[in-house]
Amino acid sequence: MRIAITGGIGSGKTFVCKSLAHYGIKVYDCDAAAKWLMRSSPSLRQALMALVGEDVYEGNELQKQVLAKFLLASDANKQRVNDVVHPAVARDFEQSGYEWLESAILFDSGFDRRIHFDAVVCVTAPLDVRIHRVMQRDGISREKTLEWINCQSPQEEVLRRSDYEIINDGNHDIDIQIKNLINNIQKTLHKMETILSIAGKPGLFRMLSRGKQNLIVETLDENKKRMPTFANDRVISLADISMYTDSEDIPLWKVLKSLGEKEGSKPCSLNYKKASGKELREFFAEVLPDYDRERVHDSDIRKLIQWYDILVNNGITDFEATLAPTEGENVDDRKDDAEAE
C-alpha cells in the first residue's frame, strides 16, 4: 500500500513525517530525493544540461541560480524541468522499498498521476500559523511568504483531493491523529487484502484498486510489480477457491490454515517441486485427511503448497482474516462494479 503525504508550505509536513518515524514508518522525501538525484545521476545531469544549458552544472555541482532563472522564465520551462526530474524521482521511489512519500506539490506537479497512491494525507494549518512558521524558519518577510504560499494550490483544494487530514495547528494532538490515521489505513488495507491468482502468470497477486475497465494488482513478492488486469484475464480470488473432499468442499483458507498449523506457520517442509506424487499425497493426507483422491490431483497439491509458501514468505499467516470471503469480495462482482461506474 502506498501513502502520500502532502500539504502547503508551513503546514508542518516534516514534523508529521518525523512523528511517523516513532511508529516505524519511514517516509520518502521527494524534495530531498530530487536534489540528490540531480547531483548524483549522470543521466539526469545530461538531461538537465540538454534542457537548461551546459552552465547548469559546474563539474558535478548543480548551479541552483541557473536552474532557478530557467524555472522562473516561464511556466512552460517549469513543466519541462518537471518532466525530466519527476520521472527519475518516481523510479527512485518505486525502487526504494518505501511505502510512504512526502511531496509538497503532489497535485500541482502531477506527481499523483505518475504513481498510484492508495491514500493521500493532507497536513493542514491555519494561514496565519503557516505564515509565522515560514517567516521564522526562512527569515523572510510576510509579503514574500504569502507570495510563496500563493504559488501553490489553495489548502482547501488540496484537502478536497485528499483522503485524510492531519491538523497541525499547535492545538490538535498530533500523536492521537497519527494513531487514528494508522488505524484507518490498516482497516482499509485489510479490506483491500484480496489475494488473486491470474491464469498464465506465475505466483500470486494483491489487488490494490479497481478502475473502470481493469483491476490494478501487485505481485506478491519482493519486486512488488504493479500491473493492470482486464476483463479477458482469468482472474480468481483465493477467497473464492475451495478443495474437494469426500463430503463437502472446504474453503481454501481452511486448508491453508491446517497446513500452517502442521508447519508451524513456517514455509513448507516438503519440497513440492521435487516431491514424488506419492510423497505429495501422503503429505496432503496429513493436512486434509478426507480430500477427494480422484478429483484432487498432484498438480493441485503442488499449487496449494506453492501458494502457501508465497503467503507465508510475505508475512501472511492468518489465512482466515486474509482469505475468508466477505460481502462484495468476489472478483467478478468487483469487475461488474467497475464496469458499472
Protein backbone atom coordinates (compact mmCIF):
# COMPACT_ATOMS: atom_id res chain seq x y z
CA MET A 1 0.00 0.00 0.00
CA ARG A 2 1.35 3.42 -0.95
CA ILE A 3 0.53 6.55 1.02
CA ALA A 4 1.33 10.13 0.01
CA ILE A 5 1.64 12.99 2.50
CA THR A 6 1.11 16.48 1.15
CA GLY A 7 0.26 19.99 2.31
CA GLY A 8 1.21 23.57 1.62
CA ILE A 9 4.35 25.33 2.76
CA GLY A 10 4.34 25.91 6.51
CA SER A 11 1.69 23.28 7.20
CA GLY A 12 4.12 21.14 9.19
CA LYS A 13 4.54 18.07 6.97
CA THR A 14 8.10 17.49 8.10
CA PHE A 15 7.06 17.37 11.75
CA VAL A 16 4.32 14.85 10.95
CA CYS A 17 6.76 12.69 8.98
CA LYS A 18 9.21 12.72 11.90
CA SER A 19 6.36 11.74 14.21
CA LEU A 20 5.50 8.80 11.93
CA ALA A 21 9.05 7.51 12.45
CA HIS A 22 8.12 6.78 16.08
CA TYR A 23 5.70 4.18 14.69
CA GLY A 24 8.34 2.59 12.49
CA ILE A 25 7.11 4.36 9.35
CA LYS A 26 9.83 5.78 7.11
CA VAL A 27 8.73 8.47 4.67
CA TYR A 28 10.40 9.09 1.31
CA ASP A 29 11.22 12.81 0.93
CA CYS A 30 10.60 13.79 -2.69
CA ASP A 31 12.33 17.17 -2.40
CA ALA A 32 15.47 15.71 -0.84
CA ALA A 33 15.46 12.86 -3.36
CA ALA A 34 15.18 15.25 -6.31
CA LYS A 35 18.14 17.29 -5.05
CA TRP A 36 20.20 14.13 -4.51
CA LEU A 37 19.36 12.72 -7.94
CA MET A 38 20.22 15.99 -9.68
CA ARG A 39 23.64 15.79 -8.01
CA SER A 40 24.32 12.08 -8.41
CA SER A 41 22.52 10.77 -11.51
CA PRO A 42 24.61 11.08 -14.71
CA SER A 43 21.57 10.53 -16.94
CA LEU A 44 19.55 13.20 -15.12
CA ARG A 45 22.51 15.56 -15.24
CA GLN A 46 22.79 15.10 -19.02
CA ALA A 47 19.05 15.63 -19.48
CA LEU A 48 19.11 18.88 -17.48
CA MET A 49 22.15 20.16 -19.36
CA ALA A 50 20.41 19.44 -22.66
CA LEU A 51 17.30 21.27 -21.47
CA VAL A 52 18.69 24.22 -19.50
CA GLY A 53 22.20 24.56 -20.87
CA GLU A 54 25.71 23.37 -20.12
CA ASP A 55 26.16 26.04 -17.44
CA VAL A 56 23.52 24.47 -15.18
CA TYR A 57 26.36 22.28 -13.88
CA GLU A 58 29.89 23.20 -12.98
CA GLY A 59 31.63 19.86 -12.85
CA ASN A 60 29.20 17.72 -10.89
CA GLU A 61 27.79 20.66 -8.93
CA LEU A 62 24.29 21.85 -9.81
CA GLN A 63 24.19 25.63 -10.26
CA LYS A 64 20.97 26.42 -8.44
CA GLN A 65 20.82 30.03 -9.57
CA VAL A 66 21.00 28.97 -13.23
CA LEU A 67 18.25 26.42 -12.76
CA ALA A 68 16.13 28.92 -10.79
CA LYS A 69 16.45 31.51 -13.56
CA PHE A 70 15.30 28.95 -16.13
CA LEU A 71 12.35 27.88 -13.96
CA LEU A 72 11.19 31.44 -13.33
CA ALA A 73 11.33 32.36 -17.01
CA SER A 74 8.00 30.65 -17.77
CA ASP A 75 5.52 28.02 -16.63
CA ALA A 76 6.48 26.04 -19.72
CA ASN A 77 10.09 25.87 -18.54
CA LYS A 78 8.95 24.70 -15.11
CA GLN A 79 6.91 21.93 -16.72
CA ARG A 80 9.86 20.87 -18.89
CA VAL A 81 12.07 20.52 -15.83
CA ASN A 82 9.32 18.59 -14.01
CA ASP A 83 9.06 16.24 -16.98
CA VAL A 84 12.77 15.47 -16.62
CA VAL A 85 13.11 15.31 -12.84
CA HIS A 86 9.83 13.78 -11.68
CA PRO A 87 10.08 10.51 -13.66
CA ALA A 88 13.53 9.98 -12.13
CA VAL A 89 12.15 10.60 -8.63
CA ALA A 90 9.18 8.29 -9.30
CA ARG A 91 11.51 5.49 -10.42
CA ASP A 92 13.74 6.02 -7.39
CA PHE A 93 10.73 5.87 -5.05
CA GLU A 94 9.40 2.68 -6.65
CA GLN A 95 12.80 1.05 -6.22
CA SER A 96 13.34 2.36 -2.69
CA GLY A 97 11.08 -0.06 -0.81
CA TYR A 98 9.31 2.86 0.88
CA GLU A 99 5.52 2.84 1.08
CA TRP A 100 5.06 6.42 2.37
CA LEU A 101 6.06 9.51 0.40
CA GLU A 102 6.10 13.24 1.19
CA SER A 103 5.55 15.79 -1.54
CA ALA A 104 4.52 19.41 -1.07
CA ILE A 105 3.41 19.67 -4.70
CA LEU A 106 1.86 16.24 -5.14
CA PHE A 107 -1.10 17.56 -7.14
CA ASP A 108 0.46 20.74 -8.54
CA SER A 109 3.24 18.78 -10.21
CA GLY A 110 1.03 15.93 -11.40
CA PHE A 111 3.17 13.50 -9.41
CA ASP A 112 -0.01 11.76 -8.24
CA ARG A 113 -0.55 10.71 -11.86
CA ARG A 114 2.90 9.17 -12.15
CA ILE A 115 2.45 6.83 -9.19
CA HIS A 116 -0.73 5.17 -7.94
CA PHE A 117 -1.31 6.06 -4.29
CA ASP A 118 -3.84 4.15 -2.25
CA ALA A 119 -4.38 7.11 0.06
CA VAL A 120 -3.34 10.76 0.35
CA VAL A 121 -2.90 12.51 3.69
CA CYS A 122 -3.15 16.31 3.76
CA VAL A 123 -1.41 18.16 6.61
CA THR A 124 -3.19 21.46 7.28
CA ALA A 125 -2.75 24.54 9.46
CA PRO A 126 -4.41 27.99 9.60
CA LEU A 127 -2.94 30.55 7.23
CA ASP A 128 -1.57 32.80 9.99
CA VAL A 129 0.19 29.81 11.58
CA ARG A 130 1.75 28.86 8.25
CA ILE A 131 2.91 32.41 7.60
CA HIS A 132 4.51 32.67 11.04
CA ARG A 133 6.30 29.33 10.64
CA VAL A 134 7.78 30.19 7.25
CA MET A 135 8.85 33.69 8.34
CA GLN A 136 10.58 32.25 11.43
CA ARG A 137 12.15 29.35 9.55
CA ASP A 138 13.44 31.21 6.49
CA GLY A 139 13.84 34.71 7.85
CA ILE A 140 11.73 36.31 5.13
CA SER A 141 9.01 38.94 5.10
CA ARG A 142 5.29 38.33 5.38
CA GLU A 143 4.83 39.54 1.81
CA LYS A 144 7.41 37.07 0.45
CA THR A 145 5.89 34.26 2.49
CA LEU A 146 2.43 34.98 1.06
CA GLU A 147 3.93 35.03 -2.41
CA TRP A 148 5.31 31.53 -1.88
CA ILE A 149 2.05 30.25 -0.40
CA ASN A 150 0.03 31.68 -3.29
CA CYS A 151 2.23 29.86 -5.79
CA GLN A 152 0.76 26.58 -4.52
CA SER A 153 -2.79 25.27 -4.79
CA PRO A 154 -5.15 26.54 -2.08
CA GLN A 155 -5.11 24.37 1.04
CA GLU A 156 -8.85 23.78 0.69
CA GLU A 157 -8.37 22.33 -2.80
CA VAL A 158 -5.54 20.04 -1.71
CA LEU A 159 -7.63 18.82 1.24
CA ARG A 160 -10.59 18.17 -1.03
CA ARG A 161 -8.47 15.87 -3.21
CA SER A 162 -7.02 14.00 -0.20
CA ASP A 163 -8.38 11.06 1.79
CA TYR A 164 -7.23 12.01 5.30
CA GLU A 165 -6.39 15.19 7.17
CA ILE A 166 -3.93 15.85 9.97
CA ILE A 167 -4.38 19.27 11.58
CA ASN A 168 -1.03 20.64 12.70
CA ASP A 169 -2.04 23.93 14.29
CA GLY A 170 -0.30 23.55 17.65
CA ASN A 171 -3.57 22.74 19.41
CA HIS A 172 -4.72 19.41 17.98
CA ASP A 173 -2.84 16.39 19.36
CA ILE A 174 -0.63 15.09 16.53
CA ASP A 175 0.04 11.76 18.23
CA ILE A 176 -3.66 10.93 18.57
CA GLN A 177 -4.29 11.94 14.96
CA ILE A 178 -1.44 9.74 13.71
CA LYS A 179 -2.71 6.76 15.70
CA ASN A 180 -6.18 7.24 14.21
CA LEU A 181 -4.67 7.61 10.75
CA ILE A 182 -2.68 4.38 11.04
CA ASN A 183 -5.73 2.50 12.36
CA ASN A 184 -7.90 3.76 9.50
CA ILE A 185 -5.29 2.87 6.90
CA GLN A 186 -4.88 -0.61 8.38
CA LYS A 187 -8.64 -1.13 8.17
CA THR A 188 -8.57 -0.01 4.55
CA LEU A 189 -5.62 -2.28 3.84
CA HIS A 190 -7.49 -5.25 5.30
CA LYS A 191 -10.46 -4.53 3.05
CA MET A 192 -8.09 -4.39 0.08
CA GLU A 193 -6.27 -7.58 1.04
CA THR A 194 -7.73 -9.58 -1.83
CA ILE A 195 -5.18 -12.16 -2.98
CA LEU A 196 -5.53 -13.24 -6.60
CA SER A 197 -4.35 -15.89 -8.98
CA ILE A 198 -4.09 -14.96 -12.65
CA ALA A 199 -4.06 -17.69 -15.29
CA GLY A 200 -0.84 -17.76 -17.27
CA LYS A 201 1.06 -15.64 -14.74
CA PRO A 202 3.23 -17.27 -12.05
CA GLY A 203 2.82 -16.53 -8.35
CA LEU A 204 0.10 -14.58 -6.57
CA PHE A 205 -1.09 -11.00 -6.70
CA ARG A 206 -2.56 -8.50 -4.25
CA MET A 207 -5.41 -6.40 -5.59
CA LEU A 208 -4.73 -2.72 -4.98
CA SER A 209 -7.61 -0.90 -6.61
CA ARG A 210 -10.12 -1.08 -9.38
CA GLY A 211 -10.58 1.15 -12.40
CA LYS A 212 -13.45 1.46 -14.81
CA GLN A 213 -12.03 -1.20 -17.11
CA ASN A 214 -9.49 -3.08 -15.03
CA LEU A 215 -8.08 -4.10 -11.68
CA ILE A 216 -4.70 -2.83 -10.51
CA VAL A 217 -2.69 -5.66 -8.95
CA GLU A 218 0.75 -6.04 -7.38
CA THR A 219 2.94 -9.13 -7.41
CA LEU A 220 3.17 -10.79 -4.02
CA ASP A 221 6.96 -10.92 -3.95
CA GLU A 222 9.96 -8.70 -3.23
CA ASN A 223 9.60 -6.87 -6.56
CA LYS A 224 6.03 -5.65 -5.86
CA LYS A 225 5.49 -5.00 -9.56
CA ARG A 226 2.19 -3.29 -10.35
CA MET A 227 0.11 -4.01 -13.44
CA PRO A 228 -3.45 -3.84 -14.72
CA THR A 229 -5.64 -6.87 -15.41
CA PHE A 230 -8.56 -6.73 -17.81
CA ALA A 231 -11.89 -8.44 -18.33
CA ASN A 232 -10.39 -11.11 -20.60
CA ASP A 233 -7.80 -12.14 -17.99
CA ARG A 234 -8.73 -15.22 -15.99
CA VAL A 235 -8.52 -13.75 -12.50
CA ILE A 236 -9.76 -15.52 -9.41
CA SER A 237 -9.63 -14.57 -5.76
CA LEU A 238 -8.22 -17.17 -3.39
CA ALA A 239 -11.28 -16.41 -1.25
CA ASP A 240 -13.41 -18.00 -3.99
CA ILE A 241 -11.44 -21.27 -4.16
CA SER A 242 -12.31 -24.47 -2.35
CA MET A 243 -10.97 -28.04 -2.40
CA TYR A 244 -12.84 -31.30 -2.88
CA THR A 245 -13.34 -33.73 0.00
CA ASP A 246 -15.34 -36.91 0.27
CA SER A 247 -18.21 -34.96 1.86
CA GLU A 248 -18.25 -31.24 1.11
CA ASP A 249 -15.98 -28.66 -0.46
CA ILE A 250 -13.60 -26.98 2.01
CA PRO A 251 -12.68 -23.28 1.54
CA LEU A 252 -9.05 -22.82 0.59
CA TRP A 253 -8.33 -20.70 3.66
CA LYS A 254 -9.27 -23.61 5.93
CA VAL A 255 -6.91 -25.91 4.05
CA LEU A 256 -4.11 -23.34 4.27
CA LYS A 257 -4.82 -22.87 7.96
CA SER A 258 -4.48 -26.61 8.51
CA LEU A 259 -1.24 -26.65 6.54
CA GLY A 260 0.02 -23.68 8.59
CA GLU A 261 -0.75 -25.47 11.84
CA LYS A 262 1.14 -28.52 10.61
CA GLU A 263 4.16 -26.46 9.56
CA GLY A 264 4.14 -24.03 12.49
CA SER A 265 3.36 -21.08 10.19
CA LYS A 266 6.74 -21.58 8.50
CA PRO A 267 7.47 -22.40 4.84
CA CYS A 268 6.52 -25.93 3.89
CA SER A 269 8.99 -28.63 4.90
CA LEU A 270 8.17 -30.63 1.77
CA ASN A 271 9.90 -29.57 -1.44
CA TYR A 272 6.84 -29.59 -3.69
CA LYS A 273 8.96 -29.18 -6.82
CA LYS A 274 10.97 -32.37 -6.25
CA ALA A 275 8.47 -34.48 -4.31
CA SER A 276 7.01 -37.54 -5.99
CA GLY A 277 3.29 -37.98 -6.43
CA LYS A 278 3.25 -40.49 -3.60
CA GLU A 279 5.08 -38.08 -1.27
CA LEU A 280 2.69 -35.26 -2.17
CA ARG A 281 -0.41 -37.37 -1.47
CA GLU A 282 0.93 -38.74 1.80
CA PHE A 283 1.84 -35.23 2.94
CA PHE A 284 -1.51 -33.76 1.94
CA ALA A 285 -3.38 -36.57 3.68
CA GLU A 286 -1.97 -35.20 6.96
CA VAL A 287 -3.32 -31.75 6.10
CA LEU A 288 -6.74 -32.75 4.77
CA PRO A 289 -7.34 -36.43 5.56
CA ASP A 290 -10.62 -36.77 3.66
CA TYR A 291 -9.59 -34.98 0.48
CA ASP A 292 -11.11 -36.45 -2.68
CA ARG A 293 -8.39 -38.70 -4.11
CA GLU A 294 -10.00 -38.75 -7.55
CA ARG A 295 -10.65 -35.05 -8.08
CA VAL A 296 -7.66 -33.52 -6.27
CA HIS A 297 -4.61 -34.08 -8.46
CA ASP A 298 -0.90 -33.90 -7.71
CA SER A 299 -0.72 -30.58 -9.58
CA ASP A 300 -3.40 -29.16 -7.25
CA ILE A 301 -1.36 -30.13 -4.19
CA ARG A 302 1.80 -28.61 -5.66
CA LYS A 303 -0.09 -25.39 -6.40
CA LEU A 304 -1.51 -25.30 -2.88
CA ILE A 305 1.94 -25.67 -1.29
CA GLN A 306 3.40 -23.08 -3.66
CA TRP A 307 0.69 -20.58 -2.69
CA TYR A 308 1.16 -21.38 0.99
CA ASP A 309 4.89 -20.67 0.75
CA ILE A 310 4.30 -17.38 -1.09
CA LEU A 311 1.80 -16.22 1.52
CA VAL A 312 3.97 -17.21 4.49
CA ASN A 313 7.08 -15.62 2.96
CA ASN A 314 5.09 -12.40 2.66
CA GLY A 315 4.05 -12.45 6.30
CA ILE A 316 0.51 -13.70 5.69
CA THR A 317 -0.24 -16.45 8.18
CA ASP A 318 -3.74 -15.50 9.39
CA PHE A 319 -5.44 -17.13 6.42
CA GLU A 320 -8.95 -16.69 7.75
CA ALA A 321 -8.56 -12.93 8.20
CA THR A 322 -6.95 -12.54 4.78
CA LEU A 323 -8.75 -15.06 2.60
CA ALA A 324 -12.13 -15.76 4.16
CA PRO A 325 -14.65 -14.11 1.79
CA THR A 326 -16.75 -11.20 2.94
CA GLU A 327 -19.65 -9.47 1.23
CA GLY A 328 -18.60 -7.99 -2.10
CA GLU A 329 -15.22 -9.78 -2.18
CA ASN A 330 -15.94 -11.83 -5.29
CA VAL A 331 -13.61 -10.71 -8.08
CA ASP A 332 -16.34 -10.94 -10.71
CA ASP A 333 -18.51 -8.70 -8.54
CA ARG A 334 -15.67 -6.21 -8.36
CA LYS A 335 -15.35 -6.24 -12.15
CA ASP A 336 -19.10 -5.78 -12.55
CA ASP A 337 -18.97 -2.86 -10.14
CA ALA A 338 -16.06 -1.34 -12.01
CA GLU A 339 -17.87 -1.60 -15.36
CA ALA A 340 -20.96 -0.02 -13.83
CA GLU A 341 -19.07 3.04 -12.59
